[in-house]
Amino acid sequence: MSCFLSTTTEPGTREFIAAAVARGIRVLLPVTRADGLLDWAVAEDEGLTAEGMFGLPEPVGELLSPVAVNDVDLLVIPAAAVDRTGMRLGWGRGYFDKTIGSMEKCPPVYAVIFDSELLDEVPRDLHDQPVSGVVTPTRTLTLPAR
């Protein structure tokens, strides 16, 4: 699976990642690139992090290419908001939309948001990719398939 390292202003993902790693689950963490793609690093028990290109926490370690994500069976991604049809409002850089849109066989994609960030409708652009569901601090919700 893949997940992201949450910031202090997002619902936490670090305990989830640590629990998955402790169970022997291979977790890929995204690392931003200047060309708009994501490299990936395998999460480790005591994984070191550093400030990434946009000031966000990113893993330090051996990098895997953007195609490494094609081996995951679940994507857990950040979002500013998600609407009830599964459209995700990101942070405007398109990294995850590009990743989802380029995958050979896209697995389920869940966005991590606060309960108040599940909205009736969000703005959408042509390149925006829908998510399968959301994870909030109080629930996991599968959204209707498009």
Protein backbone atom coordinates (compact mmCIF):
# COMPACT_ATOMS: atom_id res chain seq x y z
CA MET A 1 0.00 0.00 0.00
CA SER A 2 1.00 3.64 -0.15
CA CYS A 3 0.36 6.38 2.37
CA PHE A 4 1.60 9.89 3.07
CA LEU A 5 3.28 11.42 6.12
CA SER A 6 0.70 13.73 7.68
CA THR A 7 1.50 17.23 8.86
CA THR A 8 0.31 18.72 12.16
CA THR A 9 -2.67 20.30 10.35
CA GLU A 10 -3.98 17.00 8.93
CA PRO A 11 -5.51 13.90 10.52
CA GLY A 12 -2.59 11.75 11.62
CA THR A 13 -1.30 8.91 9.46
CA ARG A 14 1.93 8.12 11.29
CA GLU A 15 0.43 5.63 13.78
CA PHE A 16 -1.35 3.89 10.92
CA ILE A 17 1.93 3.63 8.96
CA ALA A 18 3.83 2.38 12.02
CA ALA A 19 1.17 -0.27 12.73
CA ALA A 20 1.24 -1.45 9.11
CA VAL A 21 5.05 -1.68 9.10
CA ALA A 22 4.98 -3.56 12.43
CA ARG A 23 2.62 -6.10 10.80
CA GLY A 24 5.05 -6.61 7.93
CA ILE A 25 3.06 -4.60 5.39
CA ARG A 26 5.19 -2.81 2.79
CA VAL A 27 4.21 0.87 2.81
CA LEU A 28 5.41 3.25 0.10
CA LEU A 29 5.74 6.92 1.05
CA PRO A 30 5.73 9.68 -1.60
CA VAL A 31 8.70 11.93 -2.34
CA THR A 32 8.05 14.96 -4.56
CA ARG A 33 10.06 15.64 -7.69
CA ALA A 34 10.54 18.90 -9.57
CA ASP A 35 8.97 17.39 -12.71
CA GLY A 36 5.58 16.92 -11.02
CA LEU A 37 5.91 13.18 -10.46
CA LEU A 38 6.35 11.24 -7.22
CA ASP A 39 9.21 8.96 -6.32
CA TRP A 40 8.58 6.48 -3.49
CA ALA A 41 10.46 5.25 -0.43
CA VAL A 42 9.66 2.20 1.67
CA ALA A 43 8.54 3.11 5.21
CA GLU A 44 10.75 1.75 7.99
CA ASP A 45 10.26 1.24 11.74
CA GLU A 46 12.34 4.27 12.67
CA GLY A 47 12.13 6.05 9.35
CA LEU A 48 13.94 9.35 9.14
CA THR A 49 12.15 12.31 7.60
CA ALA A 50 13.22 15.64 6.19
CA GLU A 51 11.49 18.69 4.83
CA GLY A 52 10.55 18.05 1.21
CA MET A 53 10.30 20.37 -1.76
CA PHE A 54 7.17 22.13 -0.48
CA GLY A 55 8.05 22.09 3.22
CA LEU A 56 6.15 18.86 3.84
CA PRO A 57 7.64 15.87 5.65
CA GLU A 58 9.13 13.25 3.37
CA PRO A 59 11.04 10.03 4.05
CA VAL A 60 14.81 9.90 3.79
CA GLY A 61 16.25 6.79 2.20
CA GLU A 62 16.54 4.84 -1.01
CA LEU A 63 14.18 6.14 -3.69
CA LEU A 64 12.06 4.02 -5.98
CA SER A 65 10.84 5.38 -9.32
CA PRO A 66 7.30 6.66 -9.98
CA VAL A 67 6.29 3.26 -11.42
CA ALA A 68 6.87 1.55 -8.05
CA VAL A 69 3.37 2.61 -7.01
CA ASN A 70 1.91 0.23 -9.60
CA ASP A 71 2.59 -2.62 -7.13
CA VAL A 72 0.37 -1.29 -4.32
CA ASP A 73 -3.12 -2.54 -3.53
CA LEU A 74 -4.30 0.62 -1.75
CA LEU A 75 -3.51 4.34 -2.03
CA VAL A 76 -4.03 6.56 1.03
CA ILE A 77 -3.66 10.21 -0.03
CA PRO A 78 -4.09 13.70 1.42
CA ALA A 79 -6.90 16.08 0.46
CA ALA A 80 -8.17 19.53 1.31
CA ALA A 81 -11.74 18.29 0.82
CA VAL A 82 -13.75 15.54 -0.89
CA ASP A 83 -17.32 15.67 -2.11
CA ARG A 84 -19.94 12.94 -1.81
CA THR A 85 -19.35 11.82 -5.42
CA GLY A 86 -15.67 11.13 -4.68
CA MET A 87 -14.16 14.22 -6.29
CA ARG A 88 -11.09 15.30 -4.35
CA LEU A 89 -9.83 18.81 -3.90
CA GLY A 90 -6.07 18.66 -3.49
CA TRP A 91 -3.50 21.34 -2.83
CA GLY A 92 -3.17 22.49 -6.44
CA ARG A 93 0.01 20.81 -7.59
CA GLY A 94 -1.56 17.70 -9.14
CA TYR A 95 0.95 15.13 -7.86
CA PHE A 96 -1.64 12.59 -6.76
CA ASP A 97 -3.98 13.23 -9.70
CA LYS A 98 -1.08 12.49 -12.06
CA THR A 99 -0.19 9.36 -10.11
CA ILE A 100 -3.74 8.00 -10.06
CA GLY A 101 -4.33 8.90 -13.72
CA SER A 102 -1.15 7.17 -14.88
CA MET A 103 -1.51 3.89 -13.01
CA GLU A 104 -1.83 0.74 -15.11
CA LYS A 105 -4.45 -0.73 -12.76
CA CYS A 106 -5.51 1.72 -10.07
CA PRO A 107 -6.36 0.15 -6.71
CA PRO A 108 -8.85 1.70 -4.25
CA VAL A 109 -7.89 5.29 -3.34
CA TYR A 110 -8.87 6.73 0.05
CA ALA A 111 -8.37 10.38 1.00
CA VAL A 112 -7.65 11.32 4.62
CA ILE A 113 -9.69 14.33 5.73
CA PHE A 114 -11.38 15.81 8.77
CA ASP A 115 -15.13 15.12 9.07
CA SER A 116 -15.90 18.77 8.19
CA GLU A 117 -13.99 18.40 4.88
CA LEU A 118 -16.53 15.98 3.39
CA LEU A 119 -18.66 18.37 1.32
CA ASP A 120 -21.64 18.21 -1.01
CA GLU A 121 -19.55 19.48 -3.92
CA VAL A 122 -15.99 20.62 -4.65
CA PRO A 123 -14.65 22.44 -7.72
CA ARG A 124 -13.19 20.14 -10.34
CA ASP A 125 -10.85 20.40 -13.30
CA LEU A 126 -10.39 18.07 -16.24
CA HIS A 127 -7.30 16.38 -14.74
CA ASP A 128 -8.90 15.74 -11.30
CA GLN A 129 -9.20 12.08 -10.32
CA PRO A 130 -11.94 10.73 -8.03
CA VAL A 131 -11.29 8.73 -4.87
CA SER A 132 -12.96 5.51 -3.74
CA GLY A 133 -13.61 6.75 -0.23
CA VAL A 134 -12.50 8.86 2.71
CA VAL A 135 -10.98 8.19 6.10
CA THR A 136 -11.82 10.72 8.82
CA PRO A 137 -11.02 10.72 12.53
CA THR A 138 -14.45 9.17 13.18
CA ARG A 139 -15.17 6.89 10.22
CA THR A 140 -14.20 5.27 6.95
CA LEU A 141 -16.67 5.88 4.15
CA THR A 142 -16.74 4.18 0.75
CA LEU A 143 -18.13 6.55 -1.87
CA PRO A 144 -20.28 5.60 -4.89
CA ALA A 145 -18.32 4.30 -7.86
CA ARG A 146 -18.31 6.66 -10.84
